């Protein structure tokens, strides 16, 4: 026989959603950003704005990554020092990649 009677288990559960409202809100926000991303990406086909289109695509990707990390990995509940410990190296790596891409383009300009 169980340590807890069946009636006590039903009393302890009070029907809380355990954050499903936040999950659905995050889902709809991510879906909206993705739909907007697809619309902009496939409607901006002019050759003169391809760079702008790619920048918008990257920015939307970073925004979606932010939502995933802070919503589903519970980073919004952590201390500021832990969040900065994770975000600052990522920003440095992004800066390093941008610098390497800029310097790597030098080979195309000397040909």
C-alpha atoms as a PDB file:
ATOM      1  CA  UNK A   1       0.000   0.000   0.000  1.00  0.00           C
ATOM      2  CA  UNK A   2       1.173   3.468  -0.829  1.00  0.00           C
ATOM      3  CA  UNK A   3       2.499   5.810   1.780  1.00  0.00           C
ATOM      4  CA  UNK A   4       0.087   8.504   0.627  1.00  0.00           C
ATOM      5  CA  UNK A   5      -3.612   7.734   0.293  1.00  0.00           C
ATOM      6  CA  UNK A   6      -5.142   8.402  -3.082  1.00  0.00           C
ATOM      7  CA  UNK A   7      -7.299  11.210  -1.757  1.00  0.00           C
ATOM      8  CA  UNK A   8      -4.260  13.089  -0.411  1.00  0.00           C
ATOM      9  CA  UNK A   9      -2.588  13.024  -3.829  1.00  0.00           C
ATOM     10  CA  UNK A  10      -5.612  14.649  -5.419  1.00  0.00           C
ATOM     11  CA  UNK A  11      -5.569  17.353  -2.767  1.00  0.00           C
ATOM     12  CA  UNK A  12      -1.912  18.249  -3.346  1.00  0.00           C
ATOM     13  CA  UNK A  13      -2.388  18.746  -7.086  1.00  0.00           C
ATOM     14  CA  UNK A  14      -4.113  22.068  -7.581  1.00  0.00           C
ATOM     15  CA  UNK A  15      -4.158  22.215 -11.361  1.00  0.00           C
ATOM     16  CA  UNK A  16      -1.276  24.609 -11.959  1.00  0.00           C
ATOM     17  CA  UNK A  17      -0.158  24.942 -15.536  1.00  0.00           C
ATOM     18  CA  UNK A  18       3.574  24.704 -14.669  1.00  0.00           C
ATOM     19  CA  UNK A  19       4.493  27.459 -17.129  1.00  0.00           C
ATOM     20  CA  UNK A  20       2.617  26.250 -20.195  1.00  0.00           C
ATOM     21  CA  UNK A  21       1.254  29.774 -20.691  1.00  0.00           C
ATOM     22  CA  UNK A  22       4.816  31.090 -20.988  1.00  0.00           C
ATOM     23  CA  UNK A  23       5.747  28.263 -23.345  1.00  0.00           C
ATOM     24  CA  UNK A  24       2.818  28.990 -25.649  1.00  0.00           C
ATOM     25  CA  UNK A  25       3.568  32.739 -25.557  1.00  0.00           C
ATOM     26  CA  UNK A  26       7.177  32.043 -26.524  1.00  0.00           C
ATOM     27  CA  UNK A  27       6.016  29.647 -29.242  1.00  0.00           C
ATOM     28  CA  UNK A  28       3.744  32.267 -30.831  1.00  0.00           C
ATOM     29  CA  UNK A  29       6.441  34.944 -30.647  1.00  0.00           C
ATOM     30  CA  UNK A  30       8.985  32.614 -32.273  1.00  0.00           C
ATOM     31  CA  UNK A  31       6.462  31.586 -34.922  1.00  0.00           C
ATOM     32  CA  UNK A  32       5.666  35.234 -35.700  1.00  0.00           C
ATOM     33  CA  UNK A  33       9.345  36.116 -36.026  1.00  0.00           C
ATOM     34  CA  UNK A  34       9.928  33.084 -38.269  1.00  0.00           C
ATOM     35  CA  UNK A  35       6.984  33.957 -40.538  1.00  0.00           C
ATOM     36  CA  UNK A  36       8.145  37.576 -40.783  1.00  0.00           C
ATOM     37  CA  UNK A  37      11.654  36.313 -41.479  1.00  0.00           C
ATOM     38  CA  UNK A  38      10.481  34.113 -44.361  1.00  0.00           C
ATOM     39  CA  UNK A  39       8.298  36.852 -45.835  1.00  0.00           C
ATOM     40  CA  UNK A  40      11.107  39.408 -45.784  1.00  0.00           C
ATOM     41  CA  UNK A  41      13.732  36.956 -47.000  1.00  0.00           C
ATOM     42  CA  UNK A  42      11.787  35.787 -50.028  1.00  0.00           C
ATOM     43  CA  UNK A  43      10.273  39.159 -50.993  1.00  0.00           C
ATOM     44  CA  UNK A  44      13.541  41.116 -50.840  1.00  0.00           C
ATOM     45  CA  UNK A  45      15.062  39.653 -53.995  1.00  0.00           C
ATOM     46  CA  UNK A  46      16.461  42.843 -55.532  1.00  0.00           C
ATOM     47  CA  UNK A  47      20.223  42.604 -56.085  1.00  0.00           C
ATOM     48  CA  UNK A  48      20.871  45.977 -54.426  1.00  0.00           C
ATOM     49  CA  UNK A  49      19.451  44.936 -51.028  1.00  0.00           C
ATOM     50  CA  UNK A  50      20.808  41.404 -50.672  1.00  0.00           C
ATOM     51  CA  UNK A  51      23.250  42.539 -47.974  1.00  0.00           C
ATOM     52  CA  UNK A  52      20.419  44.193 -46.032  1.00  0.00           C
ATOM     53  CA  UNK A  53      18.331  41.036 -46.427  1.00  0.00           C
ATOM     54  CA  UNK A  54      21.148  38.902 -45.031  1.00  0.00           C
ATOM     55  CA  UNK A  55      21.666  41.269 -42.091  1.00  0.00           C
ATOM     56  CA  UNK A  56      17.939  41.134 -41.284  1.00  0.00           C
ATOM     57  CA  UNK A  57      18.072  37.320 -41.532  1.00  0.00           C
ATOM     58  CA  UNK A  58      20.993  37.186 -39.068  1.00  0.00           C
ATOM     59  CA  UNK A  59      19.344  39.645 -36.646  1.00  0.00           C
ATOM     60  CA  UNK A  60      16.128  37.612 -36.605  1.00  0.00           C
ATOM     61  CA  UNK A  61      18.183  34.469 -35.955  1.00  0.00           C
ATOM     62  CA  UNK A  62      19.900  36.120 -32.991  1.00  0.00           C
ATOM     63  CA  UNK A  63      16.537  37.317 -31.612  1.00  0.00           C
ATOM     64  CA  UNK A  64      15.118  33.801 -31.874  1.00  0.00           C
ATOM     65  CA  UNK A  65      18.205  32.355 -30.183  1.00  0.00           C
ATOM     66  CA  UNK A  66      17.762  34.898 -27.367  1.00  0.00           C
ATOM     67  CA  UNK A  67      14.152  33.784 -26.868  1.00  0.00           C
ATOM     68  CA  UNK A  68      15.110  30.118 -26.798  1.00  0.00           C
ATOM     69  CA  UNK A  69      17.933  30.626 -24.305  1.00  0.00           C
ATOM     70  CA  UNK A  70      16.071  32.954 -21.980  1.00  0.00           C
ATOM     71  CA  UNK A  71      12.701  31.189 -22.125  1.00  0.00           C
ATOM     72  CA  UNK A  72      13.400  27.487 -22.416  1.00  0.00           C
ATOM     73  CA  UNK A  73      16.802  27.388 -20.686  1.00  0.00           C
ATOM     74  CA  UNK A  74      15.493  29.558 -17.837  1.00  0.00           C
ATOM     75  CA  UNK A  75      18.256  32.162 -18.099  1.00  0.00           C
ATOM     76  CA  UNK A  76      15.807  34.930 -17.210  1.00  0.00           C
ATOM     77  CA  UNK A  77      15.687  33.534 -13.665  1.00  0.00           C
ATOM     78  CA  UNK A  78      19.461  33.485 -13.159  1.00  0.00           C
ATOM     79  CA  UNK A  79      21.693  36.067 -11.532  1.00  0.00           C
ATOM     80  CA  UNK A  80      23.090  38.843 -13.682  1.00  0.00           C
ATOM     81  CA  UNK A  81      26.680  37.687 -13.154  1.00  0.00           C
ATOM     82  CA  UNK A  82      25.906  34.231 -14.575  1.00  0.00           C
ATOM     83  CA  UNK A  83      24.109  35.725 -17.562  1.00  0.00           C
ATOM     84  CA  UNK A  84      27.058  38.044 -18.263  1.00  0.00           C
ATOM     85  CA  UNK A  85      29.489  35.144 -17.865  1.00  0.00           C
ATOM     86  CA  UNK A  86      27.677  33.381 -20.685  1.00  0.00           C
ATOM     87  CA  UNK A  87      26.877  36.345 -22.936  1.00  0.00           C
ATOM     88  CA  UNK A  88      30.150  38.306 -22.907  1.00  0.00           C
ATOM     89  CA  UNK A  89      32.288  35.487 -24.402  1.00  0.00           C
ATOM     90  CA  UNK A  90      29.621  34.913 -27.048  1.00  0.00           C
ATOM     91  CA  UNK A  91      29.760  38.600 -27.992  1.00  0.00           C
ATOM     92  CA  UNK A  92      33.562  38.419 -28.220  1.00  0.00           C
ATOM     93  CA  UNK A  93      33.330  35.339 -30.443  1.00  0.00           C
ATOM     94  CA  UNK A  94      30.816  37.118 -32.706  1.00  0.00           C
ATOM     95  CA  UNK A  95      33.181  40.096 -32.914  1.00  0.00           C
ATOM     96  CA  UNK A  96      36.075  37.760 -33.731  1.00  0.00           C
ATOM     97  CA  UNK A  97      34.076  36.118 -36.515  1.00  0.00           C
ATOM     98  CA  UNK A  98      33.091  39.512 -37.941  1.00  0.00           C
ATOM     99  CA  UNK A  99      36.698  40.670 -37.855  1.00  0.00           C
ATOM    100  CA  UNK A 100      37.924  37.489 -39.519  1.00  0.00           C
ATOM    101  CA  UNK A 101      35.299  37.811 -42.252  1.00  0.00           C
ATOM    102  CA  UNK A 102      36.270  41.440 -42.849  1.00  0.00           C
ATOM    103  CA  UNK A 103      39.987  40.641 -43.007  1.00  0.00           C
ATOM    104  CA  UNK A 104      39.344  37.514 -45.066  1.00  0.00           C
ATOM    105  CA  UNK A 105      37.728  39.654 -47.732  1.00  0.00           C
ATOM    106  CA  UNK A 106      41.121  41.314 -48.307  1.00  0.00           C
ATOM    107  CA  UNK A 107      42.155  38.429 -50.534  1.00  0.00           C
ATOM    108  CA  UNK A 108      39.278  39.213 -52.895  1.00  0.00           C
ATOM    109  CA  UNK A 109      40.264  42.878 -53.113  1.00  0.00           C
ATOM    110  CA  UNK A 110      43.908  42.237 -54.136  1.00  0.00           C
ATOM    111  CA  UNK A 111      43.128  39.904 -57.031  1.00  0.00           C
END
